[in-house]
N, C-alpha and C. Protein backbone atom coordinates (compact mmCIF):
# COMPACT_ATOMS: atom_id res chain seq x y z
N UNK A 1 7.07 0.26 10.20
CA UNK A 1 5.92 0.13 9.33
C UNK A 1 5.84 -1.31 8.81
N UNK A 2 4.66 -1.75 8.55
CA UNK A 2 4.48 -3.11 8.06
C UNK A 2 4.18 -3.13 6.56
N UNK A 3 4.36 -4.30 5.97
CA UNK A 3 4.08 -4.50 4.56
C UNK A 3 2.58 -4.35 4.34
N UNK A 4 2.17 -3.58 3.31
CA UNK A 4 0.73 -3.49 3.02
C UNK A 4 0.18 -4.86 2.61
N UNK A 5 -1.03 -5.13 2.99
CA UNK A 5 -1.64 -6.40 2.60
C UNK A 5 -2.19 -6.30 1.19
N UNK A 6 -2.24 -7.42 0.46
CA UNK A 6 -2.78 -7.40 -0.90
C UNK A 6 -4.25 -6.96 -0.91
N UNK A 7 -4.64 -6.33 -2.00
CA UNK A 7 -6.03 -5.92 -2.20
C UNK A 7 -6.77 -7.12 -2.80
N UNK A 8 -7.41 -7.90 -1.95
CA UNK A 8 -8.06 -9.14 -2.38
C UNK A 8 -9.52 -8.87 -2.72
N UNK A 9 -9.93 -9.35 -3.91
CA UNK A 9 -11.32 -9.24 -4.32
C UNK A 9 -11.77 -10.58 -4.89
N UNK A 10 -12.99 -10.65 -5.38
CA UNK A 10 -13.52 -11.92 -5.88
C UNK A 10 -12.76 -12.45 -7.09
N UNK A 11 -12.15 -11.57 -7.87
CA UNK A 11 -11.40 -12.01 -9.05
C UNK A 11 -10.05 -12.62 -8.71
N UNK A 12 -9.42 -12.19 -7.62
CA UNK A 12 -8.08 -12.70 -7.29
C UNK A 12 -8.01 -13.50 -5.99
N UNK A 13 -9.15 -13.70 -5.34
CA UNK A 13 -9.17 -14.40 -4.06
C UNK A 13 -8.52 -15.78 -4.13
N UNK A 14 -8.82 -16.56 -5.16
CA UNK A 14 -8.25 -17.91 -5.30
C UNK A 14 -6.73 -17.84 -5.44
N UNK A 15 -6.23 -16.83 -6.15
CA UNK A 15 -4.78 -16.68 -6.29
C UNK A 15 -4.13 -16.50 -4.91
N UNK A 16 -4.68 -15.57 -4.10
CA UNK A 16 -4.08 -15.30 -2.79
C UNK A 16 -4.29 -16.45 -1.81
N UNK A 17 -5.38 -17.19 -1.94
CA UNK A 17 -5.55 -18.40 -1.12
C UNK A 17 -4.48 -19.42 -1.50
N UNK A 18 -4.16 -19.51 -2.79
CA UNK A 18 -3.07 -20.39 -3.23
C UNK A 18 -1.74 -19.95 -2.65
N UNK A 19 -1.47 -18.65 -2.67
CA UNK A 19 -0.23 -18.13 -2.09
C UNK A 19 -0.15 -18.52 -0.62
N UNK A 20 -1.24 -18.37 0.11
CA UNK A 20 -1.26 -18.76 1.53
C UNK A 20 -0.92 -20.23 1.72
N UNK A 21 -1.24 -21.06 0.72
CA UNK A 21 -0.93 -22.50 0.77
C UNK A 21 0.42 -22.84 0.14
N UNK A 22 1.17 -21.79 -0.27
CA UNK A 22 2.48 -22.01 -0.87
C UNK A 22 2.43 -22.36 -2.35
N UNK A 23 1.31 -22.03 -3.02
CA UNK A 23 1.14 -22.35 -4.44
C UNK A 23 1.10 -21.07 -5.28
N UNK A 24 1.69 -21.14 -6.46
CA UNK A 24 1.65 -20.03 -7.41
C UNK A 24 0.66 -20.40 -8.51
N UNK A 25 -0.53 -19.80 -8.45
CA UNK A 25 -1.62 -20.14 -9.36
C UNK A 25 -1.73 -19.13 -10.50
N UNK A 26 -2.09 -19.65 -11.67
CA UNK A 26 -2.39 -18.84 -12.84
C UNK A 26 -3.75 -19.27 -13.37
N UNK A 27 -4.39 -18.40 -14.11
CA UNK A 27 -5.66 -18.76 -14.74
C UNK A 27 -5.36 -19.50 -16.04
N UNK A 28 -6.10 -20.59 -16.28
CA UNK A 28 -5.89 -21.38 -17.49
C UNK A 28 -7.23 -21.72 -18.13
N UNK A 29 -7.28 -21.61 -19.43
CA UNK A 29 -8.49 -21.94 -20.18
C UNK A 29 -8.59 -23.46 -20.30
N UNK A 30 -9.74 -23.99 -19.93
CA UNK A 30 -9.96 -25.43 -20.00
C UNK A 30 -10.22 -25.93 -21.41
N UNK A 31 -10.47 -25.02 -22.36
CA UNK A 31 -10.73 -25.42 -23.74
C UNK A 31 -9.44 -25.48 -24.55
N UNK A 32 -8.67 -24.38 -24.55
CA UNK A 32 -7.48 -24.30 -25.41
C UNK A 32 -6.16 -24.36 -24.65
N UNK A 33 -6.20 -24.25 -23.32
CA UNK A 33 -4.98 -24.35 -22.52
C UNK A 33 -4.21 -23.05 -22.37
N UNK A 34 -4.73 -21.93 -22.86
CA UNK A 34 -4.04 -20.64 -22.72
C UNK A 34 -3.96 -20.24 -21.25
N UNK A 35 -2.84 -19.62 -20.87
CA UNK A 35 -2.60 -19.18 -19.50
C UNK A 35 -2.77 -17.67 -19.40
N UNK A 36 -3.27 -17.20 -18.24
CA UNK A 36 -3.47 -15.77 -18.04
C UNK A 36 -3.07 -15.34 -16.65
N UNK A 37 -2.54 -14.15 -16.55
CA UNK A 37 -2.35 -13.42 -15.30
C UNK A 37 -2.43 -11.95 -15.65
N UNK A 38 -3.26 -11.17 -14.95
CA UNK A 38 -4.26 -11.60 -13.99
C UNK A 38 -5.39 -12.33 -14.70
N UNK A 39 -6.31 -12.88 -13.91
CA UNK A 39 -7.42 -13.60 -14.51
C UNK A 39 -8.16 -12.64 -15.45
N UNK A 40 -8.58 -13.16 -16.55
CA UNK A 40 -9.18 -12.36 -17.60
C UNK A 40 -10.25 -13.21 -18.26
N UNK A 41 -10.40 -13.09 -19.53
CA UNK A 41 -11.24 -13.99 -20.31
C UNK A 41 -10.32 -14.58 -21.37
N UNK A 42 -10.63 -15.74 -21.87
CA UNK A 42 -9.80 -16.35 -22.89
C UNK A 42 -9.96 -15.56 -24.19
N UNK A 43 -8.85 -15.16 -24.75
CA UNK A 43 -8.87 -14.34 -25.96
C UNK A 43 -9.07 -15.18 -27.22
N UNK A 44 -9.08 -16.49 -27.07
CA UNK A 44 -9.35 -17.37 -28.21
C UNK A 44 -10.87 -17.44 -28.40
N UNK A 45 -11.29 -17.72 -29.60
CA UNK A 45 -12.73 -17.79 -29.88
C UNK A 45 -13.25 -19.18 -29.54
N UNK A 46 -14.07 -19.26 -28.50
CA UNK A 46 -14.70 -20.52 -28.11
C UNK A 46 -16.21 -20.32 -28.23
N UNK A 47 -16.83 -20.94 -29.20
CA UNK A 47 -18.28 -20.75 -29.40
C UNK A 47 -19.08 -21.08 -28.14
N UNK A 48 -20.01 -20.22 -27.84
CA UNK A 48 -20.96 -20.41 -26.73
C UNK A 48 -20.30 -20.50 -25.36
N UNK A 49 -19.06 -20.04 -25.23
CA UNK A 49 -18.39 -20.08 -23.93
C UNK A 49 -18.82 -18.87 -23.10
N UNK A 50 -19.19 -19.07 -21.85
CA UNK A 50 -19.55 -17.93 -21.00
C UNK A 50 -18.30 -17.11 -20.68
N UNK A 51 -18.48 -15.83 -20.43
CA UNK A 51 -17.36 -14.95 -20.09
C UNK A 51 -16.62 -15.52 -18.88
N UNK A 52 -15.35 -15.80 -19.03
CA UNK A 52 -14.49 -16.38 -17.99
C UNK A 52 -14.94 -17.76 -17.55
N UNK A 53 -15.95 -18.32 -18.20
CA UNK A 53 -16.49 -19.61 -17.75
C UNK A 53 -15.58 -20.79 -17.96
N UNK A 54 -14.65 -20.69 -18.90
CA UNK A 54 -13.75 -21.80 -19.17
C UNK A 54 -12.43 -21.68 -18.40
N UNK A 55 -12.28 -20.62 -17.61
CA UNK A 55 -11.02 -20.41 -16.89
C UNK A 55 -11.08 -21.00 -15.49
N UNK A 56 -9.96 -21.53 -15.07
CA UNK A 56 -9.84 -22.01 -13.69
C UNK A 56 -8.42 -21.72 -13.20
N UNK A 57 -8.26 -21.72 -11.90
CA UNK A 57 -6.95 -21.47 -11.30
C UNK A 57 -6.18 -22.79 -11.25
N UNK A 58 -4.98 -22.79 -11.82
CA UNK A 58 -4.14 -23.98 -11.91
C UNK A 58 -2.73 -23.60 -11.46
N UNK A 59 -2.05 -24.50 -10.79
CA UNK A 59 -0.70 -24.21 -10.34
C UNK A 59 0.24 -24.08 -11.53
N UNK A 60 0.93 -22.96 -11.60
CA UNK A 60 1.90 -22.72 -12.66
C UNK A 60 3.26 -23.30 -12.29
N UNK A 61 4.14 -23.31 -13.25
CA UNK A 61 5.49 -23.86 -13.02
C UNK A 61 6.31 -22.96 -12.11
N UNK A 62 6.02 -21.66 -12.11
CA UNK A 62 6.81 -20.72 -11.34
C UNK A 62 8.11 -20.35 -12.02
N UNK A 63 8.35 -20.89 -13.21
CA UNK A 63 9.59 -20.59 -13.93
C UNK A 63 9.37 -19.44 -14.90
N UNK A 64 10.44 -18.68 -15.12
CA UNK A 64 10.36 -17.59 -16.07
C UNK A 64 11.70 -16.90 -16.20
N UNK A 65 11.66 -15.70 -16.79
CA UNK A 65 12.87 -14.91 -16.98
C UNK A 65 12.54 -13.44 -16.78
N UNK A 66 13.52 -12.68 -16.34
CA UNK A 66 13.33 -11.25 -16.16
C UNK A 66 13.11 -10.62 -17.54
N UNK A 67 12.00 -9.94 -17.69
CA UNK A 67 11.66 -9.26 -18.94
C UNK A 67 12.12 -7.81 -18.89
N UNK A 68 11.91 -7.17 -17.75
CA UNK A 68 12.32 -5.78 -17.51
C UNK A 68 12.46 -5.61 -16.00
N UNK A 69 13.29 -4.66 -15.59
CA UNK A 69 13.45 -4.44 -14.15
C UNK A 69 13.91 -3.02 -13.88
N UNK A 70 13.78 -2.65 -12.62
CA UNK A 70 14.21 -1.34 -12.14
C UNK A 70 14.81 -1.53 -10.76
N UNK A 71 15.97 -0.96 -10.52
CA UNK A 71 16.59 -1.01 -9.19
C UNK A 71 16.21 0.28 -8.48
N UNK A 72 15.55 0.14 -7.34
CA UNK A 72 15.13 1.30 -6.55
C UNK A 72 16.18 1.59 -5.47
N UNK A 73 16.65 2.84 -5.44
CA UNK A 73 17.63 3.26 -4.44
C UNK A 73 17.02 4.21 -3.42
N UNK A 74 15.79 4.62 -3.67
CA UNK A 74 15.05 5.50 -2.76
C UNK A 74 13.73 4.81 -2.44
N UNK A 75 13.40 4.76 -1.17
CA UNK A 75 12.15 4.12 -0.76
C UNK A 75 10.99 5.06 -1.07
N UNK A 76 10.07 4.58 -1.92
CA UNK A 76 8.90 5.39 -2.26
C UNK A 76 7.84 5.31 -1.18
N UNK A 77 7.91 4.29 -0.35
CA UNK A 77 6.99 4.12 0.77
C UNK A 77 7.81 3.79 2.00
N UNK A 78 7.33 4.20 3.16
CA UNK A 78 8.08 4.04 4.40
C UNK A 78 8.49 2.61 4.73
N UNK A 79 7.61 1.64 4.44
CA UNK A 79 7.92 0.25 4.79
C UNK A 79 9.09 -0.31 3.98
N UNK A 80 9.46 0.37 2.90
CA UNK A 80 10.57 -0.10 2.07
C UNK A 80 11.91 0.48 2.50
N UNK A 81 11.92 1.39 3.45
CA UNK A 81 13.14 2.11 3.81
C UNK A 81 14.30 1.19 4.17
N UNK A 82 14.03 0.11 4.87
CA UNK A 82 15.12 -0.79 5.27
C UNK A 82 15.38 -1.88 4.22
N UNK A 83 14.75 -1.79 3.07
CA UNK A 83 14.90 -2.82 2.03
C UNK A 83 15.62 -2.29 0.79
N UNK A 84 16.06 -1.04 0.79
CA UNK A 84 16.72 -0.50 -0.39
C UNK A 84 18.20 -0.85 -0.37
N UNK A 85 18.82 -1.04 -1.52
CA UNK A 85 18.19 -1.06 -2.83
C UNK A 85 17.42 -2.37 -3.02
N UNK A 86 16.38 -2.31 -3.86
CA UNK A 86 15.61 -3.51 -4.19
C UNK A 86 15.26 -3.48 -5.67
N UNK A 87 14.92 -4.67 -6.19
CA UNK A 87 14.63 -4.80 -7.61
C UNK A 87 13.15 -5.11 -7.80
N UNK A 88 12.48 -4.27 -8.57
CA UNK A 88 11.11 -4.52 -9.00
C UNK A 88 11.21 -4.99 -10.44
N UNK A 89 10.59 -6.10 -10.79
CA UNK A 89 10.75 -6.67 -12.12
C UNK A 89 9.44 -7.17 -12.71
N UNK A 90 9.43 -7.24 -14.02
CA UNK A 90 8.37 -7.93 -14.75
C UNK A 90 8.99 -9.25 -15.19
N UNK A 91 8.35 -10.34 -14.79
CA UNK A 91 8.83 -11.68 -15.11
C UNK A 91 7.97 -12.24 -16.23
N UNK A 92 8.60 -12.69 -17.31
CA UNK A 92 7.88 -13.38 -18.37
C UNK A 92 7.86 -14.86 -17.99
N UNK A 93 6.70 -15.33 -17.57
CA UNK A 93 6.57 -16.71 -17.11
C UNK A 93 6.67 -17.68 -18.28
N UNK A 94 7.16 -18.88 -18.03
CA UNK A 94 7.26 -19.89 -19.09
C UNK A 94 5.91 -20.18 -19.73
N UNK A 95 4.83 -20.01 -18.96
CA UNK A 95 3.49 -20.24 -19.50
C UNK A 95 3.03 -19.12 -20.42
N UNK A 96 3.72 -17.96 -20.38
CA UNK A 96 3.37 -16.86 -21.27
C UNK A 96 3.03 -15.54 -20.60
N UNK A 97 2.23 -15.53 -19.51
CA UNK A 97 1.88 -14.25 -18.91
C UNK A 97 3.08 -13.52 -18.30
N UNK A 98 2.91 -12.22 -18.13
CA UNK A 98 3.88 -11.39 -17.42
C UNK A 98 3.40 -11.24 -15.98
N UNK A 99 4.35 -11.22 -15.05
CA UNK A 99 4.01 -11.14 -13.63
C UNK A 99 4.97 -10.17 -12.96
N UNK A 100 4.43 -9.18 -12.26
CA UNK A 100 5.26 -8.20 -11.57
C UNK A 100 5.54 -8.61 -10.15
N UNK A 101 6.82 -8.53 -9.76
CA UNK A 101 7.22 -8.88 -8.39
C UNK A 101 8.62 -8.33 -8.14
N UNK A 102 9.18 -8.67 -6.99
CA UNK A 102 10.55 -8.29 -6.66
C UNK A 102 11.48 -9.47 -6.87
N UNK A 103 12.71 -9.17 -7.31
CA UNK A 103 13.76 -10.18 -7.39
C UNK A 103 14.54 -10.09 -6.09
N UNK A 104 14.67 -11.23 -5.41
CA UNK A 104 15.37 -11.29 -4.13
C UNK A 104 16.47 -12.35 -4.19
N UNK A 105 17.29 -12.39 -3.16
CA UNK A 105 18.39 -13.37 -3.05
C UNK A 105 19.40 -13.21 -4.18
N UNK A 106 19.58 -11.98 -4.65
CA UNK A 106 20.50 -11.70 -5.75
C UNK A 106 20.97 -10.25 -5.59
N UNK A 107 22.28 -10.02 -5.66
CA UNK A 107 22.74 -8.62 -5.63
C UNK A 107 22.09 -7.82 -6.77
N UNK A 108 21.67 -6.60 -6.48
CA UNK A 108 20.95 -5.81 -7.48
C UNK A 108 21.76 -5.64 -8.76
N UNK A 109 23.06 -5.55 -8.66
CA UNK A 109 23.91 -5.36 -9.84
C UNK A 109 24.02 -6.58 -10.73
N UNK A 110 23.53 -7.73 -10.26
CA UNK A 110 23.61 -8.96 -11.06
C UNK A 110 22.31 -9.30 -11.79
N UNK A 111 21.25 -8.55 -11.53
CA UNK A 111 19.98 -8.80 -12.22
C UNK A 111 20.12 -8.35 -13.66
N UNK A 112 19.69 -9.17 -14.58
CA UNK A 112 19.78 -8.88 -16.02
C UNK A 112 18.49 -9.29 -16.73
N UNK A 113 18.19 -8.59 -17.81
CA UNK A 113 17.09 -9.00 -18.68
C UNK A 113 17.44 -10.39 -19.22
N UNK A 114 16.47 -11.29 -19.18
CA UNK A 114 16.69 -12.67 -19.64
C UNK A 114 17.18 -13.61 -18.55
N UNK A 115 17.49 -13.10 -17.37
CA UNK A 115 17.97 -13.93 -16.27
C UNK A 115 16.88 -14.92 -15.86
N UNK A 116 17.19 -16.21 -15.82
CA UNK A 116 16.19 -17.20 -15.38
C UNK A 116 15.86 -17.01 -13.90
N UNK A 117 14.58 -17.09 -13.59
CA UNK A 117 14.12 -16.99 -12.20
C UNK A 117 13.03 -18.01 -11.96
N UNK A 118 12.72 -18.20 -10.69
CA UNK A 118 11.57 -19.01 -10.33
C UNK A 118 10.84 -18.27 -9.22
N UNK A 119 9.54 -18.47 -9.16
CA UNK A 119 8.71 -17.81 -8.16
C UNK A 119 8.67 -18.67 -6.90
N UNK A 120 8.94 -18.03 -5.78
CA UNK A 120 8.85 -18.69 -4.47
C UNK A 120 7.88 -17.88 -3.62
N UNK A 121 7.27 -18.55 -2.67
CA UNK A 121 6.36 -17.87 -1.74
C UNK A 121 7.13 -17.64 -0.45
N UNK A 122 7.21 -16.38 -0.04
CA UNK A 122 7.94 -16.03 1.18
C UNK A 122 7.05 -15.21 2.10
N UNK A 123 7.29 -15.36 3.38
CA UNK A 123 6.62 -14.54 4.38
C UNK A 123 7.45 -13.27 4.56
N UNK A 124 6.83 -12.13 4.29
CA UNK A 124 7.50 -10.84 4.46
C UNK A 124 6.71 -10.06 5.51
N UNK A 125 7.26 -10.02 6.70
CA UNK A 125 6.61 -9.31 7.81
C UNK A 125 5.17 -9.75 8.01
N UNK A 126 4.93 -11.07 7.94
CA UNK A 126 3.61 -11.61 8.20
C UNK A 126 2.68 -11.65 7.00
N UNK A 127 3.17 -11.25 5.82
CA UNK A 127 2.38 -11.29 4.60
C UNK A 127 3.07 -12.23 3.62
N UNK A 128 2.36 -13.25 3.15
CA UNK A 128 2.95 -14.17 2.17
C UNK A 128 2.88 -13.53 0.79
N UNK A 129 4.04 -13.53 0.11
CA UNK A 129 4.14 -12.88 -1.20
C UNK A 129 4.88 -13.79 -2.17
N UNK A 130 4.49 -13.76 -3.46
CA UNK A 130 5.24 -14.46 -4.49
C UNK A 130 6.40 -13.58 -4.95
N UNK A 131 7.61 -14.07 -4.81
CA UNK A 131 8.82 -13.32 -5.16
C UNK A 131 9.65 -14.14 -6.13
N UNK A 132 10.51 -13.47 -6.89
CA UNK A 132 11.37 -14.15 -7.86
C UNK A 132 12.78 -14.31 -7.28
N UNK A 133 13.34 -15.49 -7.46
CA UNK A 133 14.73 -15.77 -7.07
C UNK A 133 15.48 -16.30 -8.29
N UNK A 134 16.79 -16.08 -8.36
CA UNK A 134 17.55 -16.60 -9.48
C UNK A 134 17.42 -18.11 -9.57
N UNK A 135 17.42 -18.60 -10.81
CA UNK A 135 17.32 -20.04 -11.05
C UNK A 135 18.39 -20.43 -12.07
N UNK A 136 18.94 -21.62 -11.94
CA UNK A 136 19.89 -22.06 -12.97
C UNK A 136 19.20 -22.11 -14.33
N UNK A 137 19.95 -21.80 -15.38
CA UNK A 137 19.38 -21.86 -16.73
C UNK A 137 18.83 -23.25 -17.00
N UNK A 138 17.62 -23.31 -17.55
CA UNK A 138 16.99 -24.58 -17.89
C UNK A 138 16.37 -25.31 -16.73
N UNK A 139 16.41 -24.70 -15.53
CA UNK A 139 15.85 -25.39 -14.34
C UNK A 139 14.37 -25.14 -14.21
């Protein structure tokens, strides 16, 4: 079985185009600098700003820390059968947003809340995906 392809729509198309180019993009408000994932509207009050009009896709640092995680020992979908155990995590990005992905290149027993990670773009069975890898503290 192959990896399912991302569900791309007009709201996230730029993000996935960035992934295809090896970039990890986040939405950023051009007025106040607030970062968002997924793209949303700026929650700050900007007079006369159009809905989502001040947001643009900007390359993020890719740095963050594990906020929460779960180690899966049973494949919930067939394509994951040869990948267990695996870690699904919520990453708190340095820019502020939370981002869900898998932690790779790390034994499952070593993943911890607060563990520094960085987002890398990897090809997984022909699909480019943003994944988290361990990073040295402060890197």
